[in-house]
Amino acid sequence: MIRLYSNQIQRFQDLAPGEPFRLTEEVIWIDLLTPEAELVAELEKQLGVDLPTREELKDIEPSSRLYQE
């Protein structure tokens, strides 16, 4: 599932699995809960970044979990 928070509508919008979406400048928060691989790939494409996997995040010490490109 994906939840987007838009500054324009000032609330979260839940998207159903497989529902198409387009990130706009108004989206200021993206919340992922057990995302499908296709969803992660689409987010990476739209954002232009590689998102870390859960396994990669587990390997990071809790005090060092700031993630930057």
C-alpha atoms as a PDB file:
ATOM      1  CA  MET A   1       0.000   0.000   0.000  1.00  0.00           C
ATOM      2  CA  ILE A   2       1.065   3.547  -0.603  1.00  0.00           C
ATOM      3  CA  ARG A   3      -0.133   6.685   1.156  1.00  0.00           C
ATOM      4  CA  LEU A   4       0.644  10.074  -0.294  1.00  0.00           C
ATOM      5  CA  TYR A   5       0.306  13.307   1.635  1.00  0.00           C
ATOM      6  CA  SER A   6      -0.426  16.229  -0.617  1.00  0.00           C
ATOM      7  CA  ASN A   7       0.148  19.801   0.459  1.00  0.00           C
ATOM      8  CA  GLN A   8      -2.610  20.813  -1.954  1.00  0.00           C
ATOM      9  CA  ILE A   9      -5.419  18.760  -0.372  1.00  0.00           C
ATOM     10  CA  GLN A  10      -3.748  18.632   3.079  1.00  0.00           C
ATOM     11  CA  ARG A  11      -4.576  15.026   3.805  1.00  0.00           C
ATOM     12  CA  PHE A  12      -3.371  11.499   3.097  1.00  0.00           C
ATOM     13  CA  GLN A  13      -4.559   9.727  -0.014  1.00  0.00           C
ATOM     14  CA  ASP A  14      -4.507   5.923   0.055  1.00  0.00           C
ATOM     15  CA  LEU A  15      -3.860   4.243  -3.272  1.00  0.00           C
ATOM     16  CA  ALA A  16      -5.028   0.725  -3.996  1.00  0.00           C
ATOM     17  CA  PRO A  17      -2.458  -1.837  -5.150  1.00  0.00           C
ATOM     18  CA  GLY A  18      -1.870  -1.427  -8.866  1.00  0.00           C
ATOM     19  CA  GLU A  19      -3.593   1.963  -8.988  1.00  0.00           C
ATOM     20  CA  PRO A  20      -1.624   4.288 -11.270  1.00  0.00           C
ATOM     21  CA  PHE A  21      -0.226   7.453  -9.746  1.00  0.00           C
ATOM     22  CA  ARG A  22       1.947  10.401 -10.642  1.00  0.00           C
ATOM     23  CA  LEU A  23       4.034  12.244  -8.096  1.00  0.00           C
ATOM     24  CA  THR A  24       3.621  15.995  -8.245  1.00  0.00           C
ATOM     25  CA  GLU A  25       5.322  18.862  -6.444  1.00  0.00           C
ATOM     26  CA  GLU A  26       2.392  18.931  -3.992  1.00  0.00           C
ATOM     27  CA  VAL A  27       3.282  15.466  -2.616  1.00  0.00           C
ATOM     28  CA  ILE A  28       5.425  16.062   0.462  1.00  0.00           C
ATOM     29  CA  TRP A  29       5.212  12.642   2.162  1.00  0.00           C
ATOM     30  CA  ILE A  30       5.244   9.089   0.796  1.00  0.00           C
ATOM     31  CA  ASP A  31       4.369   6.313   3.231  1.00  0.00           C
ATOM     32  CA  LEU A  32       4.979   2.705   2.174  1.00  0.00           C
ATOM     33  CA  LEU A  33       3.674  -0.316   4.038  1.00  0.00           C
ATOM     34  CA  THR A  34       4.831  -3.645   2.597  1.00  0.00           C
ATOM     35  CA  PRO A  35       5.084  -2.285  -0.957  1.00  0.00           C
ATOM     36  CA  GLU A  36       5.049  -4.553  -3.981  1.00  0.00           C
ATOM     37  CA  ALA A  37       8.232  -4.678  -6.078  1.00  0.00           C
ATOM     38  CA  GLU A  38       6.444  -3.008  -8.997  1.00  0.00           C
ATOM     39  CA  LEU A  39       5.438  -0.090  -6.756  1.00  0.00           C
ATOM     40  CA  VAL A  40       8.986   0.390  -5.484  1.00  0.00           C
ATOM     41  CA  ALA A  41      10.285   0.319  -9.067  1.00  0.00           C
ATOM     42  CA  GLU A  42       7.746   2.958 -10.130  1.00  0.00           C
ATOM     43  CA  LEU A  43       8.607   5.184  -7.157  1.00  0.00           C
ATOM     44  CA  GLU A  44      12.325   4.882  -7.896  1.00  0.00           C
ATOM     45  CA  LYS A  45      11.652   5.813 -11.512  1.00  0.00           C
ATOM     46  CA  GLN A  46       9.508   8.848 -10.631  1.00  0.00           C
ATOM     47  CA  LEU A  47      11.821  10.036  -7.839  1.00  0.00           C
ATOM     48  CA  GLY A  48      15.067   9.299  -9.664  1.00  0.00           C
ATOM     49  CA  VAL A  49      16.620   7.538  -6.648  1.00  0.00           C
ATOM     50  CA  ASP A  50      17.301   3.978  -5.480  1.00  0.00           C
ATOM     51  CA  LEU A  51      15.227   3.168  -2.397  1.00  0.00           C
ATOM     52  CA  PRO A  52      16.924   0.944   0.204  1.00  0.00           C
ATOM     53  CA  THR A  53      15.451  -2.501   0.814  1.00  0.00           C
ATOM     54  CA  ARG A  54      14.352  -3.675   4.255  1.00  0.00           C
ATOM     55  CA  GLU A  55      17.427  -5.912   4.354  1.00  0.00           C
ATOM     56  CA  GLU A  56      19.708  -2.948   3.642  1.00  0.00           C
ATOM     57  CA  LEU A  57      18.026  -0.920   6.375  1.00  0.00           C
ATOM     58  CA  LYS A  58      18.430  -3.773   8.889  1.00  0.00           C
ATOM     59  CA  ASP A  59      22.188  -3.707   8.324  1.00  0.00           C
ATOM     60  CA  ILE A  60      22.413  -0.050   9.346  1.00  0.00           C
ATOM     61  CA  GLU A  61      23.028   0.733  13.006  1.00  0.00           C
ATOM     62  CA  PRO A  62      20.006   2.484  14.577  1.00  0.00           C
ATOM     63  CA  SER A  63      22.118   5.561  15.313  1.00  0.00           C
ATOM     64  CA  SER A  64      23.137   5.813  11.636  1.00  0.00           C
ATOM     65  CA  ARG A  65      19.824   5.463   9.840  1.00  0.00           C
ATOM     66  CA  LEU A  66      19.930   8.798   8.062  1.00  0.00           C
ATOM     67  CA  TYR A  67      19.867   7.873   4.389  1.00  0.00           C
ATOM     68  CA  GLN A  68      21.266  10.259   1.813  1.00  0.00           C
ATOM     69  CA  GLU A  69      22.149   9.910  -1.852  1.00  0.00           C
END
